[in-house]
Amino acid sequence: MIWRTVRSVFGTELCPNNIWQFCSWCYTFLPDGGRFYSFGLAAICWSIWNCRNQATFGFKFLKIPFEVVFSSCVFLDYGAGLLKSDDQEAMWRGAMMLRDNVKNMMRICAAAQDDGAMD
């Protein structure tokens, strides 16, 4: 679900299954964004890890899988604050695109559930 959300920002059906595919994926869809590849991957992996730890040790389970992606956006926003102005703006735009896409996907999922409930 997490990688599907990210891939929809790029408008593709491709989804990485390993680190090499991730690098290839980023190079294909963000050819000028090489300086952001590692940070983007780290933000998503760190979010997954944090949600896993909250579920395992804090018994706080996800209500929706999109929480992981929203958490990734927070890490991207934080990381953007550490960059120079041009890179900072690009990172914030990327995080905003991801956040907006998650909101749209949540609306689509809610509409699909509402339509299913009507049947």
PDB file of N, CA and C in Angstrom:
ATOM      1  N   MET A   1       0.819  -1.188   0.000  1.00  0.00           N
ATOM      2  CA  MET A   1       0.000   0.000   0.000  1.00  0.00           C
ATOM      3  C   MET A   1       0.868   1.259   0.000  1.00  0.00           C
ATOM      4  N   ILE A   2       1.953   1.238   0.751  1.00  0.00           N
ATOM      5  CA  ILE A   2       2.794   2.420   0.886  1.00  0.00           C
ATOM      6  C   ILE A   2       3.464   2.753  -0.442  1.00  0.00           C
ATOM      7  N   TRP A   3       4.083   1.753  -1.057  1.00  0.00           N
ATOM      8  CA  TRP A   3       4.766   1.994  -2.323  1.00  0.00           C
ATOM      9  C   TRP A   3       3.772   2.282  -3.437  1.00  0.00           C
ATOM     10  N   ARG A   4       2.580   1.733  -3.355  1.00  0.00           N
ATOM     11  CA  ARG A   4       1.552   2.040  -4.361  1.00  0.00           C
ATOM     12  C   ARG A   4       1.161   3.501  -4.285  1.00  0.00           C
ATOM     13  N   THR A   5       1.097   4.028  -3.082  1.00  0.00           N
ATOM     14  CA  THR A   5       0.769   5.441  -2.906  1.00  0.00           C
ATOM     15  C   THR A   5       1.867   6.314  -3.486  1.00  0.00           C
ATOM     16  N   VAL A   6       3.110   5.958  -3.207  1.00  0.00           N
ATOM     17  CA  VAL A   6       4.241   6.734  -3.721  1.00  0.00           C
ATOM     18  C   VAL A   6       4.274   6.657  -5.247  1.00  0.00           C
ATOM     19  N   ARG A   7       4.066   5.464  -5.783  1.00  0.00           N
ATOM     20  CA  ARG A   7       4.154   5.322  -7.239  1.00  0.00           C
ATOM     21  C   ARG A   7       3.059   6.103  -7.955  1.00  0.00           C
ATOM     22  N   SER A   8       1.909   6.259  -7.335  1.00  0.00           N
ATOM     23  CA  SER A   8       0.841   6.987  -8.001  1.00  0.00           C
ATOM     24  C   SER A   8       1.158   8.469  -8.137  1.00  0.00           C
ATOM     25  N   VAL A   9       2.047   8.999  -7.289  1.00  0.00           N
ATOM     26  CA  VAL A   9       2.500  10.380  -7.446  1.00  0.00           C
ATOM     27  C   VAL A   9       3.198  10.531  -8.794  1.00  0.00           C
ATOM     28  N   PHE A  10       3.924   9.476  -9.187  1.00  0.00           N
ATOM     29  CA  PHE A  10       4.660   9.514 -10.449  1.00  0.00           C
ATOM     30  C   PHE A  10       3.818   9.066 -11.636  1.00  0.00           C
ATOM     31  N   GLY A  11       2.608   8.590 -11.365  1.00  0.00           N
ATOM     32  CA  GLY A  11       1.726   8.169 -12.437  1.00  0.00           C
ATOM     33  C   GLY A  11       2.183   6.907 -13.144  1.00  0.00           C
ATOM     34  N   THR A  12       2.641   5.931 -12.383  1.00  0.00           N
ATOM     35  CA  THR A  12       3.145   4.697 -12.963  1.00  0.00           C
ATOM     36  C   THR A  12       2.519   3.484 -12.295  1.00  0.00           C
ATOM     37  N   GLU A  13       2.591   2.366 -12.957  1.00  0.00           N
ATOM     38  CA  GLU A  13       2.157   1.100 -12.383  1.00  0.00           C
ATOM     39  C   GLU A  13       3.330   0.334 -11.807  1.00  0.00           C
ATOM     40  N   LEU A  14       4.548   0.792 -12.088  1.00  0.00           N
ATOM     41  CA  LEU A  14       5.745   0.125 -11.598  1.00  0.00           C
ATOM     42  C   LEU A  14       5.913   0.359 -10.101  1.00  0.00           C
ATOM     43  N   CYS A  15       6.372  -0.643  -9.404  1.00  0.00           N
ATOM     44  CA  CYS A  15       6.570  -0.533  -7.970  1.00  0.00           C
ATOM     45  C   CYS A  15       7.856  -1.282  -7.608  1.00  0.00           C
ATOM     46  N   PRO A  16       8.781  -0.653  -6.881  1.00  0.00           N
ATOM     47  CA  PRO A  16      10.050  -1.322  -6.583  1.00  0.00           C
ATOM     48  C   PRO A  16       9.879  -2.471  -5.587  1.00  0.00           C
ATOM     49  N   ASN A  17      10.654  -3.538  -5.812  1.00  0.00           N
ATOM     50  CA  ASN A  17      10.650  -4.698  -4.915  1.00  0.00           C
ATOM     51  C   ASN A  17      11.946  -4.839  -4.133  1.00  0.00           C
ATOM     52  N   ASN A  18      12.971  -4.076  -4.503  1.00  0.00           N
ATOM     53  CA  ASN A  18      14.249  -4.128  -3.796  1.00  0.00           C
ATOM     54  C   ASN A  18      14.979  -2.802  -3.997  1.00  0.00           C
ATOM     55  N   ILE A  19      16.130  -2.673  -3.371  1.00  0.00           N
ATOM     56  CA  ILE A  19      16.857  -1.404  -3.398  1.00  0.00           C
ATOM     57  C   ILE A  19      17.296  -1.031  -4.807  1.00  0.00           C
ATOM     58  N   TRP A  20      17.670  -2.006  -5.610  1.00  0.00           N
ATOM     59  CA  TRP A  20      18.135  -1.720  -6.968  1.00  0.00           C
ATOM     60  C   TRP A  20      16.977  -1.234  -7.842  1.00  0.00           C
ATOM     61  N   GLN A  21      15.829  -1.838  -7.673  1.00  0.00           N
ATOM     62  CA  GLN A  21      14.660  -1.377  -8.418  1.00  0.00           C
ATOM     63  C   GLN A  21      14.257   0.023  -7.953  1.00  0.00           C
ATOM     64  N   PHE A  22      14.423   0.286  -6.664  1.00  0.00           N
ATOM     65  CA  PHE A  22      14.115   1.621  -6.155  1.00  0.00           C
ATOM     66  C   PHE A  22      15.006   2.662  -6.823  1.00  0.00           C
ATOM     67  N   CYS A  23      16.313   2.377  -6.905  1.00  0.00           N
ATOM     68  CA  CYS A  23      17.243   3.321  -7.533  1.00  0.00           C
ATOM     69  C   CYS A  23      16.904   3.517  -9.009  1.00  0.00           C
ATOM     70  N   SER A  24      16.588   2.434  -9.695  1.00  0.00           N
ATOM     71  CA  SER A  24      16.204   2.511 -11.101  1.00  0.00           C
ATOM     72  C   SER A  24      14.911   3.307 -11.260  1.00  0.00           C
ATOM     73  N   TRP A  25      13.971   3.056 -10.378  1.00  0.00           N
ATOM     74  CA  TRP A  25      12.681   3.733 -10.364  1.00  0.00           C
ATOM     75  C   TRP A  25      12.867   5.242 -10.175  1.00  0.00           C
ATOM     76  N   CYS A  26      13.681   5.600  -9.190  1.00  0.00           N
ATOM     77  CA  CYS A  26      13.935   7.022  -8.929  1.00  0.00           C
ATOM     78  C   CYS A  26      14.619   7.685 -10.117  1.00  0.00           C
ATOM     79  N   TYR A  27      15.604   6.993 -10.677  1.00  0.00           N
ATOM     80  CA  TYR A  27      16.328   7.568 -11.811  1.00  0.00           C
ATOM     81  C   TYR A  27      15.391   7.780 -12.999  1.00  0.00           C
ATOM     82  N   THR A  28      14.445   6.867 -13.182  1.00  0.00           N
ATOM     83  CA  THR A  28      13.496   6.975 -14.290  1.00  0.00           C
ATOM     84  C   THR A  28      12.536   8.138 -14.088  1.00  0.00           C
ATOM     85  N   PHE A  29      11.987   8.273 -12.879  1.00  0.00           N
ATOM     86  CA  PHE A  29      10.938   9.252 -12.638  1.00  0.00           C
ATOM     87  C   PHE A  29      11.443  10.568 -12.052  1.00  0.00           C
ATOM     88  N   LEU A  30      12.631  10.554 -11.474  1.00  0.00           N
ATOM     89  CA  LEU A  30      13.231  11.774 -10.933  1.00  0.00           C
ATOM     90  C   LEU A  30      14.674  11.887 -11.410  1.00  0.00           C
ATOM     91  N   PRO A  31      14.900  12.036 -12.710  1.00  0.00           N
ATOM     92  CA  PRO A  31      16.277  11.990 -13.226  1.00  0.00           C
ATOM     93  C   PRO A  31      17.181  13.090 -12.664  1.00  0.00           C
ATOM     94  N   ASP A  32      16.635  14.218 -12.295  1.00  0.00           N
ATOM     95  CA  ASP A  32      17.449  15.311 -11.754  1.00  0.00           C
ATOM     96  C   ASP A  32      17.403  15.371 -10.231  1.00  0.00           C
ATOM     97  N   GLY A  33      16.801  14.376  -9.601  1.00  0.00           N
ATOM     98  CA  GLY A  33      16.623  14.415  -8.151  1.00  0.00           C
ATOM     99  C   GLY A  33      17.526  13.473  -7.394  1.00  0.00           C
ATOM    100  N   GLY A  34      18.683  13.142  -7.942  1.00  0.00           N
ATOM    101  CA  GLY A  34      19.582  12.168  -7.317  1.00  0.00           C
ATOM    102  C   GLY A  34      19.932  12.492  -5.870  1.00  0.00           C
ATOM    103  N   ARG A  35      19.985  13.743  -5.549  1.00  0.00           N
ATOM    104  CA  ARG A  35      20.343  14.127  -4.178  1.00  0.00           C
ATOM    105  C   ARG A  35      19.222  13.820  -3.180  1.00  0.00           C
ATOM    106  N   PHE A  36      18.023  13.477  -3.683  1.00  0.00           N
ATOM    107  CA  PHE A  36      16.894  13.191  -2.803  1.00  0.00           C
ATOM    108  C   PHE A  36      16.589  11.706  -2.660  1.00  0.00           C
ATOM    109  N   TYR A  37      17.176  10.858  -3.489  1.00  0.00           N
ATOM    110  CA  TYR A  37      16.836   9.432  -3.498  1.00  0.00           C
ATOM    111  C   TYR A  37      17.025   8.789  -2.130  1.00  0.00           C
ATOM    112  N   SER A  38      18.191   8.952  -1.563  1.00  0.00           N
ATOM    113  CA  SER A  38      18.495   8.300  -0.279  1.00  0.00           C
ATOM    114  C   SER A  38      17.606   8.834   0.830  1.00  0.00           C
ATOM    115  N   PHE A  39      17.386  10.135   0.826  1.00  0.00           N
ATOM    116  CA  PHE A  39      16.573  10.708   1.892  1.00  0.00           C
ATOM    117  C   PHE A  39      15.126  10.251   1.783  1.00  0.00           C
ATOM    118  N   GLY A  40      14.605  10.174   0.560  1.00  0.00           N
ATOM    119  CA  GLY A  40      13.235   9.697   0.362  1.00  0.00           C
ATOM    120  C   GLY A  40      13.068   8.261   0.825  1.00  0.00           C
ATOM    121  N   LEU A  41      14.024   7.417   0.462  1.00  0.00           N
ATOM    122  CA  LEU A  41      13.977   6.022   0.896  1.00  0.00           C
ATOM    123  C   LEU A  41      14.084   5.924   2.411  1.00  0.00           C
ATOM    124  N   ALA A  42      14.985   6.703   2.987  1.00  0.00           N
ATOM    125  CA  ALA A  42      15.151   6.687   4.443  1.00  0.00           C
ATOM    126  C   ALA A  42      13.877   7.149   5.152  1.00  0.00           C
ATOM    127  N   ALA A  43      13.217   8.173   4.628  1.00  0.00           N
ATOM    128  CA  ALA A  43      11.983   8.683   5.240  1.00  0.00           C
ATOM    129  C   ALA A  43      10.896   7.613   5.239  1.00  0.00           C
ATOM    130  N   ILE A  44      10.753   6.912   4.119  1.00  0.00           N
ATOM    131  CA  ILE A  44       9.718   5.879   4.035  1.00  0.00           C
ATOM    132  C   ILE A  44      10.059   4.696   4.930  1.00  0.00           C
ATOM    133  N   CYS A  45      11.312   4.246   4.881  1.00  0.00           N
ATOM    134  CA  CYS A  45      11.719   3.108   5.720  1.00  0.00           C
ATOM    135  C   CYS A  45      11.629   3.446   7.203  1.00  0.00           C
ATOM    136  N   TRP A  46      12.026   4.651   7.565  1.00  0.00           N
ATOM    137  CA  TRP A  46      11.955   5.062   8.966  1.00  0.00           C
ATOM    138  C   TRP A  46      10.505   5.116   9.443  1.00  0.00           C
ATOM    139  N   SER A  47       9.614   5.568   8.587  1.00  0.00           N
ATOM    140  CA  SER A  47       8.192   5.609   8.932  1.00  0.00           C
ATOM    141  C   SER A  47       7.634   4.202   9.134  1.00  0.00           C
ATOM    142  N   ILE A  48       7.996   3.295   8.245  1.00  0.00           N
ATOM    143  CA  ILE A  48       7.559   1.906   8.383  1.00  0.00           C
ATOM    144  C   ILE A  48       8.081   1.331   9.699  1.00  0.00           C
ATOM    145  N   TRP A  49       9.353   1.581   9.982  1.00  0.00           N
ATOM    146  CA  TRP A  49       9.974   1.076  11.207  1.00  0.00           C
ATOM    147  C   TRP A  49       9.286   1.639  12.451  1.00  0.00           C
ATOM    148  N   ASN A  50       9.020   2.939  12.451  1.00  0.00           N
ATOM    149  CA  ASN A  50       8.364   3.555  13.610  1.00  0.00           C
ATOM    150  C   ASN A  50       6.961   2.999  13.831  1.00  0.00           C
ATOM    151  N   CYS A  51       6.203   2.830  12.762  1.00  0.00           N
ATOM    152  CA  CYS A  51       4.841   2.273  12.889  1.00  0.00           C
ATOM    153  C   CYS A  51       4.900   0.828  13.368  1.00  0.00           C
ATOM    154  N   ARG A  52       5.873   0.091  12.891  1.00  0.00           N
ATOM    155  CA  ARG A  52       6.059  -1.287  13.344  1.00  0.00           C
ATOM    156  C   ARG A  52       6.382  -1.323  14.833  1.00  0.00           C
ATOM    157  N   ASN A  53       7.276  -0.435  15.271  1.00  0.00           N
ATOM    158  CA  ASN A  53       7.628  -0.399  16.698  1.00  0.00           C
ATOM    159  C   ASN A  53       6.446   0.021  17.566  1.00  0.00           C
ATOM    160  N   GLN A  54       5.658   0.961  17.093  1.00  0.00           N
ATOM    161  CA  GLN A  54       4.480   1.374  17.857  1.00  0.00           C
ATOM    162  C   GLN A  54       3.498   0.226  18.006  1.00  0.00           C
ATOM    163  N   ALA A  55       3.343  -0.557  16.954  1.00  0.00           N
ATOM    164  CA  ALA A  55       2.426  -1.705  17.017  1.00  0.00           C
ATOM    165  C   ALA A  55       2.991  -2.812  17.898  1.00  0.00           C
ATOM    166  N   THR A  56       4.292  -3.061  17.783  1.00  0.00           N
ATOM    167  CA  THR A  56       4.907  -4.165  18.517  1.00  0.00           C
ATOM    168  C   THR A  56       5.077  -3.863  19.999  1.00  0.00           C
ATOM    169  N   PHE A  57       5.597  -2.692  20.307  1.00  0.00           N
ATOM    170  CA  PHE A  57       5.939  -2.385  21.692  1.00  0.00           C
ATOM    171  C   PHE A  57       4.913  -1.509  22.401  1.00  0.00           C
ATOM    172  N   GLY A  58       4.184  -0.707  21.648  1.00  0.00           N
ATOM    173  CA  GLY A  58       3.208   0.188  22.258  1.00  0.00           C
ATOM    174  C   GLY A  58       1.770  -0.249  22.062  1.00  0.00           C
ATOM    175  N   PHE A  59       1.579  -1.329  21.308  1.00  0.00           N
ATOM    176  CA  PHE A  59       0.241  -1.849  21.016  1.00  0.00           C
ATOM    177  C   PHE A  59      -0.667  -0.779  20.408  1.00  0.00           C
ATOM    178  N   LYS A  60      -0.057   0.130  19.639  1.00  0.00           N
ATOM    179  CA  LYS A  60      -0.804   1.170  18.928  1.00  0.00           C
ATOM    180  C   LYS A  60      -0.813   0.769  17.460  1.00  0.00           C
ATOM    181  N   PHE A  61      -1.909   0.190  17.030  1.00  0.00           N
ATOM    182  CA  PHE A  61      -1.988  -0.333  15.679  1.00  0.00           C
ATOM    183  C   PHE A  61      -2.497   0.733  14.717  1.00  0.00           C
ATOM    184  N   LEU A  62      -2.085   0.613  13.462  1.00  0.00           N
ATOM    185  CA  LEU A  62      -2.510   1.547  12.434  1.00  0.00           C
ATOM    186  C   LEU A  62      -4.010   1.447  12.207  1.00  0.00           C
ATOM    187  N   LYS A  63      -4.632   2.583  12.095  1.00  0.00           N
ATOM    188  CA  LYS A  63      -6.051   2.595  11.730  1.00  0.00           C
ATOM    189  C   LYS A  63      -6.177   2.488  10.215  1.00  0.00           C
ATOM    190  N   ILE A  64      -5.267   3.161   9.525  1.00  0.00           N
ATOM    191  CA  ILE A  64      -5.211   3.091   8.061  1.00  0.00           C
ATOM    192  C   ILE A  64      -3.746   3.034   7.646  1.00  0.00           C
ATOM    193  N   PRO A  65      -3.415   2.324   6.569  1.00  0.00           N
ATOM    194  CA  PRO A  65      -2.017   2.230   6.149  1.00  0.00           C
ATOM    195  C   PRO A  65      -1.443   3.554   5.660  1.00  0.00           C
ATOM    196  N   PHE A  66      -2.312   4.489   5.335  1.00  0.00           N
ATOM    197  CA  PHE A  66      -1.830   5.777   4.852  1.00  0.00           C
ATOM    198  C   PHE A  66      -1.084   6.555   5.943  1.00  0.00           C
ATOM    199  N   GLU A  67      -1.248   6.166   7.188  1.00  0.00           N
ATOM    200  CA  GLU A  67      -0.537   6.837   8.283  1.00  0.00           C
ATOM    201  C   GLU A  67       0.967   6.777   8.075  1.00  0.00           C
ATOM    202  N   VAL A  68       1.450   5.683   7.512  1.00  0.00           N
ATOM    203  CA  VAL A  68       2.883   5.538   7.264  1.00  0.00           C
ATOM    204  C   VAL A  68       3.343   6.577   6.255  1.00  0.00           C
ATOM    205  N   VAL A  69       2.555   6.813   5.238  1.00  0.00           N
ATOM    206  CA  VAL A  69       2.934   7.777   4.212  1.00  0.00           C
ATOM    207  C   VAL A  69       2.880   9.195   4.772  1.00  0.00           C
ATOM    208  N   PHE A  70       1.882   9.491   5.572  1.00  0.00           N
ATOM    209  CA  PHE A  70       1.834  10.811   6.210  1.00  0.00           C
ATOM    210  C   PHE A  70       3.050  11.017   7.113  1.00  0.00           C
ATOM    211  N   SER A  71       3.442   9.976   7.813  1.00  0.00           N
ATOM    212  CA  SER A  71       4.633  10.049   8.651  1.00  0.00           C
ATOM    213  C   SER A  71       5.874  10.312   7.796  1.00  0.00           C
ATOM    214  N   SER A  72       5.945   9.686   6.635  1.00  0.00           N
ATOM    215  CA  SER A  72       7.066   9.917   5.719  1.00  0.00           C
ATOM    216  C   SER A  72       7.110  11.380   5.286  1.00  0.00           C
ATOM    217  N   CYS A  73       5.956  11.961   5.061  1.00  0.00           N
ATOM    218  CA  CYS A  73       5.894  13.372   4.673  1.00  0.00           C
ATOM    219  C   CYS A  73       6.447  14.275   5.772  1.00  0.00           C
ATOM    220  N   VAL A  74       6.185  13.903   7.007  1.00  0.00           N
ATOM    221  CA  VAL A  74       6.720  14.676   8.134  1.00  0.00           C
ATOM    222  C   VAL A  74       8.241  14.619   8.131  1.00  0.00           C
ATOM    223  N   PHE A  75       8.803  13.432   7.906  1.00  0.00           N
ATOM    224  CA  PHE A  75      10.260  13.299   7.842  1.00  0.00           C
ATOM    225  C   PHE A  75      10.840  14.073   6.659  1.00  0.00           C
ATOM    226  N   LEU A  76      10.133  14.058   5.526  1.00  0.00           N
ATOM    227  CA  LEU A  76      10.599  14.822   4.363  1.00  0.00           C
ATOM    228  C   LEU A  76      10.575  16.323   4.654  1.00  0.00           C
ATOM    229  N   ASP A  77       9.514  16.791   5.309  1.00  0.00           N
ATOM    230  CA  ASP A  77       9.439  18.212   5.685  1.00  0.00           C
ATOM    231  C   ASP A  77      10.570  18.593   6.633  1.00  0.00           C
ATOM    232  N   TYR A  78      10.817  17.725   7.607  1.00  0.00           N
ATOM    233  CA  TYR A  78      11.889  17.999   8.563  1.00  0.00           C
ATOM    234  C   TYR A  78      13.238  18.041   7.848  1.00  0.00           C
ATOM    235  N   GLY A  79      13.475  17.065   6.992  1.00  0.00           N
ATOM    236  CA  GLY A  79      14.738  17.011   6.252  1.00  0.00           C
ATOM    237  C   GLY A  79      14.917  18.192   5.327  1.00  0.00           C
ATOM    238  N   ALA A  80      13.826  18.689   4.774  1.00  0.00           N
ATOM    239  CA  ALA A  80      13.903  19.844   3.886  1.00  0.00           C
ATOM    240  C   ALA A  80      14.450  21.059   4.623  1.00  0.00           C
ATOM    241  N   GLY A  81      14.117  21.170   5.895  1.00  0.00           N
ATOM    242  CA  GLY A  81      14.607  22.286   6.689  1.00  0.00           C
ATOM    243  C   GLY A  81      16.115  22.290   6.856  1.00  0.00           C
ATOM    244  N   LEU A  82      16.754  21.176   6.577  1.00  0.00           N
ATOM    245  CA  LEU A  82      18.208  21.070   6.706  1.00  0.00           C
ATOM    246  C   LEU A  82      18.937  21.366   5.400  1.00  0.00           C
ATOM    247  N   LEU A  83      18.198  21.595   4.315  1.00  0.00           N
ATOM    248  CA  LEU A  83      18.800  21.774   3.001  1.00  0.00           C
ATOM    249  C   LEU A  83      18.914  23.245   2.625  1.00  0.00           C
ATOM    250  N   LYS A  84      19.673  23.495   1.557  1.00  0.00           N
ATOM    251  CA  LYS A  84      19.779  24.845   1.012  1.00  0.00           C
ATOM    252  C   LYS A  84      18.456  25.223   0.368  1.00  0.00           C
ATOM    253  N   SER A  85      18.255  26.505   0.109  1.00  0.00           N
ATOM    254  CA  SER A  85      16.941  27.014  -0.287  1.00  0.00           C
ATOM    255  C   SER A  85      16.355  26.340  -1.530  1.00  0.00           C
ATOM    256  N   ASP A  86      17.134  26.132  -2.602  1.00  0.00           N
ATOM    257  CA  ASP A  86      16.577  25.513  -3.812  1.00  0.00           C
ATOM    258  C   ASP A  86      16.184  24.066  -3.547  1.00  0.00           C
ATOM    259  N   ASP A  87      17.061  23.337  -2.897  1.00  0.00           N
ATOM    260  CA  ASP A  87      16.763  21.943  -2.569  1.00  0.00           C
ATOM    261  C   ASP A  87      15.630  21.853  -1.559  1.00  0.00           C
ATOM    262  N   GLN A  88      15.611  22.803  -0.638  1.00  0.00           N
ATOM    263  CA  GLN A  88      14.566  22.836   0.379  1.00  0.00           C
ATOM    264  C   GLN A  88      13.190  22.970  -0.264  1.00  0.00           C
ATOM    265  N   GLU A  89      13.082  23.871  -1.206  1.00  0.00           N
ATOM    266  CA  GLU A  89      11.807  24.090  -1.903  1.00  0.00           C
ATOM    267  C   GLU A  89      11.387  22.847  -2.681  1.00  0.00           C
ATOM    268  N   ALA A  90      12.334  22.200  -3.339  1.00  0.00           N
ATOM    269  CA  ALA A  90      12.025  20.990  -4.110  1.00  0.00           C
ATOM    270  C   ALA A  90      11.557  19.861  -3.193  1.00  0.00           C
ATOM    271  N   MET A  91      12.201  19.718  -2.042  1.00  0.00           N
ATOM    272  CA  MET A  91      11.814  18.662  -1.099  1.00  0.00           C
ATOM    273  C   MET A  91      10.430  18.937  -0.527  1.00  0.00           C
ATOM    274  N   TRP A  92      10.154  20.177  -0.197  1.00  0.00           N
ATOM    275  CA  TRP A  92       8.824  20.524   0.321  1.00  0.00           C
ATOM    276  C   TRP A  92       7.737  20.279  -0.729  1.00  0.00           C
ATOM    277  N   ARG A  93       8.041  20.623  -1.984  1.00  0.00           N
ATOM    278  CA  ARG A  93       7.064  20.356  -3.050  1.00  0.00           C
ATOM    279  C   ARG A  93       6.807  18.863  -3.189  1.00  0.00           C
ATOM    280  N   GLY A  94       7.870  18.066  -3.122  1.00  0.00           N
ATOM    281  CA  GLY A  94       7.714  16.615  -3.210  1.00  0.00           C
ATOM    282  C   GLY A  94       6.880  16.061  -2.069  1.00  0.00           C
ATOM    283  N   ALA A  95       7.145  16.528  -0.859  1.00  0.00           N
ATOM    284  CA  ALA A  95       6.369  16.075   0.301  1.00  0.00           C
ATOM    285  C   ALA A  95       4.912  16.503   0.164  1.00  0.00           C
ATOM    286  N   MET A  96       4.677  17.700  -0.356  1.00  0.00           N
ATOM    287  CA  MET A  96       3.305  18.179  -0.534  1.00  0.00           C
ATOM    288  C   MET A  96       2.578  17.357  -1.596  1.00  0.00           C
ATOM    289  N   MET A  97       3.278  17.020  -2.678  1.00  0.00           N
ATOM    290  CA  MET A  97       2.666  16.181  -3.718  1.00  0.00           C
ATOM    291  C   MET A  97       2.278  14.828  -3.144  1.00  0.00           C
ATOM    292  N   LEU A  98       3.174  14.254  -2.349  1.00  0.00           N
ATOM    293  CA  LEU A  98       2.898  12.950  -1.741  1.00  0.00           C
ATOM    294  C   LEU A  98       1.710  13.051  -0.790  1.00  0.00           C
ATOM    295  N   ARG A  99       1.682  14.085   0.025  1.00  0.00           N
ATOM    296  CA  ARG A  99       0.585  14.295   0.980  1.00  0.00           C
ATOM    297  C   ARG A  99      -0.756  14.486   0.262  1.00  0.00           C
ATOM    298  N   ASP A 100      -0.753  15.298  -0.784  1.00  0.00           N
ATOM    299  CA  ASP A 100      -1.991  15.515  -1.547  1.00  0.00           C
ATOM    300  C   ASP A 100      -2.464  14.232  -2.205  1.00  0.00           C
ATOM    301  N   ASN A 101      -1.526  13.442  -2.700  1.00  0.00           N
ATOM    302  CA  ASN A 101      -1.884  12.187  -3.340  1.00  0.00           C
ATOM    303  C   ASN A 101      -2.494  11.214  -2.335  1.00  0.00           C
ATOM    304  N   VAL A 102      -1.956  11.184  -1.128  1.00  0.00           N
ATOM    305  CA  VAL A 102      -2.509  10.313  -0.092  1.00  0.00           C
ATOM    306  C   VAL A 102      -3.929  10.737   0.246  1.00  0.00           C
ATOM    307  N   LYS A 103      -4.154  12.027   0.348  1.00  0.00           N
ATOM    308  CA  LYS A 103      -5.505  12.519   0.635  1.00  0.00           C
ATOM    309  C   LYS A 103      -6.484  12.102  -0.459  1.00  0.00           C
ATOM    310  N   ASN A 104      -6.042  12.209  -1.716  1.00  0.00           N
ATOM    311  CA  ASN A 104      -6.905  11.797  -2.828  1.00  0.00           C
ATOM    312  C   ASN A 104      -7.185  10.300  -2.776  1.00  0.00           C
ATOM    313  N   MET A 105      -6.172   9.512  -2.480  1.00  0.00           N
ATOM    314  CA  MET A 105      -6.372   8.065  -2.393  1.00  0.00           C
ATOM    315  C   MET A 105      -7.309   7.709  -1.244  1.00  0.00           C
ATOM    316  N   MET A 106      -7.231   8.437  -0.153  1.00  0.00           N
ATOM    317  CA  MET A 106      -8.133   8.199   0.967  1.00  0.00           C
ATOM    318  C   MET A 106      -9.573   8.504   0.568  1.00  0.00           C
ATOM    319  N   ARG A 107      -9.768   9.570  -0.206  1.00  0.00           N
ATOM    320  CA  ARG A 107     -11.113   9.895  -0.691  1.00  0.00           C
ATOM    321  C   ARG A 107     -11.644   8.797  -1.603  1.00  0.00           C
ATOM    322  N   ILE A 108     -10.786   8.299  -2.481  1.00  0.00           N
ATOM    323  CA  ILE A 108     -11.190   7.228  -3.394  1.00  0.00           C
ATOM    324  C   ILE A 108     -11.568   5.976  -2.619  1.00  0.00           C
ATOM    325  N   CYS A 109     -10.753   5.619  -1.624  1.00  0.00           N
ATOM    326  CA  CYS A 109     -11.042   4.436  -0.808  1.00  0.00           C
ATOM    327  C   CYS A 109     -12.339   4.604  -0.022  1.00  0.00           C
ATOM    328  N   ALA A 110     -12.554   5.807   0.514  1.00  0.00           N
ATOM    329  CA  ALA A 110     -13.787   6.064   1.272  1.00  0.00           C
ATOM    330  C   ALA A 110     -15.003   5.981   0.360  1.00  0.00           C
ATOM    331  N   ALA A 111     -14.880   6.516  -0.857  1.00  0.00           N
ATOM    332  CA  ALA A 111     -15.991   6.452  -1.800  1.00  0.00           C
ATOM    333  C   ALA A 111     -16.276   5.023  -2.200  1.00  0.00           C
ATOM    334  N   ALA A 112     -15.227   4.230  -2.382  1.00  0.00           N
ATOM    335  CA  ALA A 112     -15.416   2.821  -2.753  1.00  0.00           C
ATOM    336  C   ALA A 112     -16.099   2.051  -1.609  1.00  0.00           C
ATOM    337  N   GLN A 113     -15.737   2.360  -0.372  1.00  0.00           N
ATOM    338  CA  GLN A 113     -16.369   1.701   0.775  1.00  0.00           C
ATOM    339  C   GLN A 113     -17.828   2.116   0.872  1.00  0.00           C
ATOM    340  N   ASP A 114     -18.104   3.395   0.640  1.00  0.00           N
ATOM    341  CA  ASP A 114     -19.497   3.869   0.689  1.00  0.00           C
ATOM    342  C   ASP A 114     -20.336   3.206  -0.393  1.00  0.00           C
ATOM    343  N   ASP A 115     -19.767   3.080  -1.593  1.00  0.00           N
ATOM    344  CA  ASP A 115     -20.494   2.410  -2.683  1.00  0.00           C
ATOM    345  C   ASP A 115     -20.715   0.949  -2.377  1.00  0.00           C
ATOM    346  N   GLY A 116     -19.738   0.304  -1.732  1.00  0.00           N
ATOM    347  CA  GLY A 116     -19.871  -1.101  -1.367  1.00  0.00           C
ATOM    348  C   GLY A 116     -20.905  -1.310  -0.279  1.00  0.00           C
ATOM    349  N   ALA A 117     -21.031  -0.322   0.597  1.00  0.00           N
ATOM    350  CA  ALA A 117     -22.003  -0.425   1.694  1.00  0.00           C
ATOM    351  C   ALA A 117     -23.440  -0.296   1.174  1.00  0.00           C
ATOM    352  N   MET A 118     -23.592   0.402   0.055  1.00  0.00           N
ATOM    353  CA  MET A 118     -24.908   0.616  -0.517  1.00  0.00           C
ATOM    354  C   MET A 118     -25.451  -0.656  -1.173  1.00  0.00           C
ATOM    355  N   ASP A 119     -24.540  -1.535  -1.621  1.00  0.00           N
ATOM    356  CA  ASP A 119     -24.973  -2.742  -2.336  1.00  0.00           C
ATOM    357  C   ASP A 119     -25.666  -3.730  -1.457  1.00  0.00           C
TER     358      ASP A 119
END
